[in-house]
Amino acid sequence: MAMSKRNANAMVVMNFLYRIVEVFEDYFTELVEESIRDNFVITYELLDEMMDFGYPQSTEPKVLKESGHTCTHADPSQRRSLASS
């Protein structure tokens, strides 16, 4: 869902929302609520890099990864092994 104060181009908004999903799927092993919660800071930084002053900017995962953002979300199997040690 997206909202706009002005009459925005609907296709630009839809395309941006789909690009957000693609970027998050590229960053997180599994795009679920838990991975977003665990990586809230990275999610916020990605959204900040992807949009400036309400306008989409860079939405390519390769370009965003070059800016130094890394994912800290561990796989569930890794979490179990970390908890048992």
N, C-alpha and C. Protein backbone atom coordinates (compact mmCIF):
# COMPACT_ATOMS: atom_id res chain seq x y z
N MET A 1 0.84 -1.16 0.00
CA MET A 1 0.00 0.00 0.00
C MET A 1 0.89 1.23 0.00
N ALA A 2 0.48 2.21 -0.77
CA ALA A 2 1.23 3.46 -0.85
C ALA A 2 0.25 4.62 -0.86
N MET A 3 0.68 5.74 -0.27
CA MET A 3 -0.15 6.94 -0.25
C MET A 3 0.65 8.11 -0.78
N SER A 4 -0.07 9.08 -1.32
CA SER A 4 0.57 10.26 -1.86
C SER A 4 -0.29 11.48 -1.57
N LYS A 5 0.35 12.61 -1.28
CA LYS A 5 -0.39 13.85 -1.04
C LYS A 5 -0.85 14.47 -2.35
N ARG A 6 -0.18 14.11 -3.43
CA ARG A 6 -0.50 14.67 -4.74
C ARG A 6 -0.92 13.56 -5.68
N ASN A 7 -1.30 13.94 -6.87
CA ASN A 7 -1.69 12.98 -7.89
C ASN A 7 -0.43 12.38 -8.51
N ALA A 8 0.10 11.34 -7.89
CA ALA A 8 1.34 10.71 -8.34
C ALA A 8 1.06 9.72 -9.46
N ASN A 9 2.07 9.47 -10.26
CA ASN A 9 1.98 8.48 -11.31
C ASN A 9 1.87 7.10 -10.66
N ALA A 10 0.75 6.43 -10.85
CA ALA A 10 0.48 5.14 -10.19
C ALA A 10 1.49 4.07 -10.59
N MET A 11 1.93 4.06 -11.83
CA MET A 11 2.89 3.05 -12.27
C MET A 11 4.27 3.25 -11.64
N VAL A 12 4.65 4.48 -11.42
CA VAL A 12 5.93 4.74 -10.75
C VAL A 12 5.87 4.21 -9.32
N VAL A 13 4.76 4.44 -8.65
CA VAL A 13 4.58 3.97 -7.28
C VAL A 13 4.59 2.45 -7.23
N MET A 14 3.84 1.80 -8.12
CA MET A 14 3.80 0.33 -8.14
C MET A 14 5.18 -0.25 -8.47
N ASN A 15 5.85 0.33 -9.43
CA ASN A 15 7.18 -0.15 -9.80
C ASN A 15 8.14 -0.02 -8.62
N PHE A 16 8.08 1.09 -7.90
CA PHE A 16 8.96 1.29 -6.75
C PHE A 16 8.67 0.25 -5.66
N LEU A 17 7.40 -0.03 -5.42
CA LEU A 17 7.05 -1.04 -4.41
C LEU A 17 7.58 -2.42 -4.80
N TYR A 18 7.48 -2.76 -6.06
CA TYR A 18 8.02 -4.04 -6.52
C TYR A 18 9.55 -4.06 -6.42
N ARG A 19 10.19 -2.94 -6.69
CA ARG A 19 11.64 -2.88 -6.57
C ARG A 19 12.08 -3.02 -5.12
N ILE A 20 11.30 -2.47 -4.19
CA ILE A 20 11.62 -2.63 -2.76
C ILE A 20 11.61 -4.11 -2.39
N VAL A 21 10.60 -4.82 -2.84
CA VAL A 21 10.51 -6.25 -2.55
C VAL A 21 11.70 -6.99 -3.15
N GLU A 22 12.07 -6.67 -4.38
CA GLU A 22 13.22 -7.31 -5.02
C GLU A 22 14.51 -7.06 -4.24
N VAL A 23 14.72 -5.84 -3.80
CA VAL A 23 15.92 -5.50 -3.04
C VAL A 23 15.93 -6.24 -1.71
N PHE A 24 14.82 -6.25 -1.01
CA PHE A 24 14.76 -6.95 0.28
C PHE A 24 14.98 -8.45 0.10
N GLU A 25 14.42 -9.03 -0.96
CA GLU A 25 14.63 -10.45 -1.21
C GLU A 25 16.09 -10.73 -1.53
N ASP A 26 16.77 -9.80 -2.16
CA ASP A 26 18.18 -9.96 -2.46
C ASP A 26 19.03 -9.84 -1.19
N TYR A 27 18.65 -8.98 -0.28
CA TYR A 27 19.41 -8.76 0.96
C TYR A 27 19.15 -9.83 2.01
N PHE A 28 17.90 -10.20 2.20
CA PHE A 28 17.54 -11.16 3.24
C PHE A 28 17.35 -12.53 2.61
N THR A 29 17.75 -13.57 3.33
CA THR A 29 17.61 -14.92 2.78
C THR A 29 16.14 -15.26 2.57
N GLU A 30 15.29 -14.76 3.43
CA GLU A 30 13.86 -15.02 3.33
C GLU A 30 13.14 -13.73 3.73
N LEU A 31 12.26 -13.24 2.86
CA LEU A 31 11.56 -11.99 3.14
C LEU A 31 10.31 -12.28 3.95
N VAL A 32 10.47 -12.22 5.26
CA VAL A 32 9.36 -12.41 6.20
C VAL A 32 9.43 -11.30 7.23
N GLU A 33 8.39 -11.19 8.01
CA GLU A 33 8.31 -10.13 9.02
C GLU A 33 9.50 -10.18 9.98
N GLU A 34 9.92 -11.37 10.35
CA GLU A 34 11.01 -11.52 11.31
C GLU A 34 12.33 -10.98 10.75
N SER A 35 12.59 -11.22 9.47
CA SER A 35 13.85 -10.73 8.89
C SER A 35 13.85 -9.21 8.81
N ILE A 36 12.69 -8.61 8.58
CA ILE A 36 12.61 -7.14 8.57
C ILE A 36 12.79 -6.60 9.98
N ARG A 37 12.17 -7.26 10.97
CA ARG A 37 12.33 -6.82 12.36
C ARG A 37 13.77 -6.96 12.83
N ASP A 38 14.41 -8.09 12.48
CA ASP A 38 15.79 -8.33 12.90
C ASP A 38 16.77 -7.36 12.25
N ASN A 39 16.42 -6.87 11.09
CA ASN A 39 17.31 -5.98 10.33
C ASN A 39 16.67 -4.62 10.12
N PHE A 40 16.06 -4.10 11.15
CA PHE A 40 15.33 -2.83 11.01
C PHE A 40 16.26 -1.71 10.57
N VAL A 41 17.45 -1.65 11.11
CA VAL A 41 18.39 -0.57 10.77
C VAL A 41 18.77 -0.67 9.30
N ILE A 42 19.09 -1.87 8.83
CA ILE A 42 19.45 -2.06 7.42
C ILE A 42 18.26 -1.71 6.53
N THR A 43 17.06 -2.14 6.92
CA THR A 43 15.85 -1.83 6.15
C THR A 43 15.67 -0.32 6.04
N TYR A 44 15.83 0.36 7.15
CA TYR A 44 15.68 1.82 7.16
C TYR A 44 16.73 2.48 6.26
N GLU A 45 17.98 2.02 6.36
CA GLU A 45 19.05 2.59 5.54
C GLU A 45 18.81 2.32 4.06
N LEU A 46 18.33 1.13 3.73
CA LEU A 46 18.03 0.82 2.33
C LEU A 46 16.93 1.73 1.79
N LEU A 47 15.88 1.90 2.58
CA LEU A 47 14.79 2.79 2.14
C LEU A 47 15.29 4.22 1.99
N ASP A 48 16.18 4.63 2.88
CA ASP A 48 16.75 5.97 2.79
C ASP A 48 17.60 6.14 1.53
N GLU A 49 18.35 5.09 1.17
CA GLU A 49 19.17 5.15 -0.04
C GLU A 49 18.31 5.08 -1.30
N MET A 50 17.20 4.36 -1.23
CA MET A 50 16.37 4.14 -2.41
C MET A 50 15.47 5.33 -2.73
N MET A 51 15.19 6.17 -1.75
CA MET A 51 14.29 7.30 -1.98
C MET A 51 14.84 8.55 -1.32
N ASP A 52 14.89 9.64 -2.08
CA ASP A 52 15.32 10.93 -1.56
C ASP A 52 14.23 11.96 -1.80
N PHE A 53 13.80 12.58 -0.71
CA PHE A 53 12.78 13.62 -0.77
C PHE A 53 11.51 13.15 -1.49
N GLY A 54 11.17 11.87 -1.32
CA GLY A 54 9.95 11.34 -1.91
C GLY A 54 10.07 10.87 -3.34
N TYR A 55 11.27 10.91 -3.90
CA TYR A 55 11.49 10.47 -5.28
C TYR A 55 12.40 9.25 -5.30
N PRO A 56 12.01 8.20 -6.02
CA PRO A 56 12.88 7.01 -6.13
C PRO A 56 14.22 7.37 -6.74
N GLN A 57 15.28 6.80 -6.17
CA GLN A 57 16.63 7.06 -6.67
C GLN A 57 17.24 5.76 -7.16
N SER A 58 18.12 5.20 -6.41
CA SER A 58 18.82 3.98 -6.80
C SER A 58 18.08 2.77 -6.25
N THR A 59 17.64 1.88 -7.16
CA THR A 59 16.90 0.70 -6.71
C THR A 59 17.57 -0.59 -7.17
N GLU A 60 18.80 -0.53 -7.62
CA GLU A 60 19.53 -1.72 -8.04
C GLU A 60 20.24 -2.33 -6.84
N PRO A 61 20.00 -3.62 -6.55
CA PRO A 61 20.65 -4.26 -5.40
C PRO A 61 22.18 -4.18 -5.46
N LYS A 62 22.78 -4.33 -6.65
CA LYS A 62 24.24 -4.28 -6.76
C LYS A 62 24.78 -2.91 -6.36
N VAL A 63 24.10 -1.87 -6.78
CA VAL A 63 24.53 -0.51 -6.44
C VAL A 63 24.38 -0.27 -4.94
N LEU A 64 23.29 -0.76 -4.37
CA LEU A 64 23.06 -0.57 -2.94
C LEU A 64 24.07 -1.36 -2.11
N LYS A 65 24.45 -2.55 -2.58
CA LYS A 65 25.45 -3.33 -1.85
C LYS A 65 26.82 -2.67 -1.89
N GLU A 66 27.11 -1.95 -2.97
CA GLU A 66 28.38 -1.23 -3.05
C GLU A 66 28.47 -0.10 -2.04
N SER A 67 27.31 0.38 -1.58
CA SER A 67 27.31 1.47 -0.60
C SER A 67 27.64 0.98 0.80
N GLY A 68 27.80 -0.35 0.97
CA GLY A 68 28.30 -0.86 2.24
C GLY A 68 27.25 -1.42 3.17
N HIS A 69 26.02 -1.56 2.75
CA HIS A 69 24.99 -2.13 3.63
C HIS A 69 25.11 -3.64 3.63
N THR A 70 25.11 -4.22 4.83
CA THR A 70 25.19 -5.68 4.96
C THR A 70 24.05 -6.18 5.81
N CYS A 71 23.63 -7.38 5.54
CA CYS A 71 22.52 -7.99 6.27
C CYS A 71 23.06 -8.75 7.47
N THR A 72 22.39 -8.63 8.62
CA THR A 72 22.83 -9.33 9.82
C THR A 72 21.89 -10.44 10.22
N HIS A 73 20.89 -10.72 9.41
CA HIS A 73 19.89 -11.73 9.73
C HIS A 73 20.49 -13.12 9.58
N ALA A 74 20.42 -13.92 10.61
CA ALA A 74 20.93 -15.29 10.56
C ALA A 74 19.81 -16.24 10.14
N ASP A 75 20.19 -17.28 9.42
CA ASP A 75 19.21 -18.30 9.07
C ASP A 75 18.72 -18.97 10.34
N PRO A 76 17.48 -19.54 10.32
CA PRO A 76 16.99 -20.24 11.51
C PRO A 76 17.93 -21.35 11.96
N SER A 77 18.57 -22.07 11.02
CA SER A 77 19.49 -23.14 11.40
C SER A 77 20.72 -22.57 12.11
N GLN A 78 21.18 -21.40 11.68
CA GLN A 78 22.32 -20.76 12.33
C GLN A 78 21.93 -20.28 13.71
N ARG A 79 20.69 -19.81 13.86
CA ARG A 79 20.23 -19.30 15.14
C ARG A 79 20.21 -20.42 16.18
N ARG A 80 19.77 -21.61 15.76
CA ARG A 80 19.73 -22.75 16.68
C ARG A 80 21.14 -23.12 17.13
N SER A 81 22.08 -23.15 16.17
CA SER A 81 23.43 -23.51 16.52
C SER A 81 24.08 -22.46 17.42
N LEU A 82 23.75 -21.18 17.21
CA LEU A 82 24.27 -20.13 18.07
C LEU A 82 23.68 -20.21 19.47
N ALA A 83 22.39 -20.57 19.54
CA ALA A 83 21.73 -20.64 20.84
C ALA A 83 22.22 -21.83 21.65
N SER A 84 22.60 -22.91 20.99
CA SER A 84 23.04 -24.11 21.70
C SER A 84 24.48 -23.99 22.19
N SER A 85 25.26 -23.08 21.62
CA SER A 85 26.66 -22.96 22.05
C SER A 85 26.83 -22.03 23.20
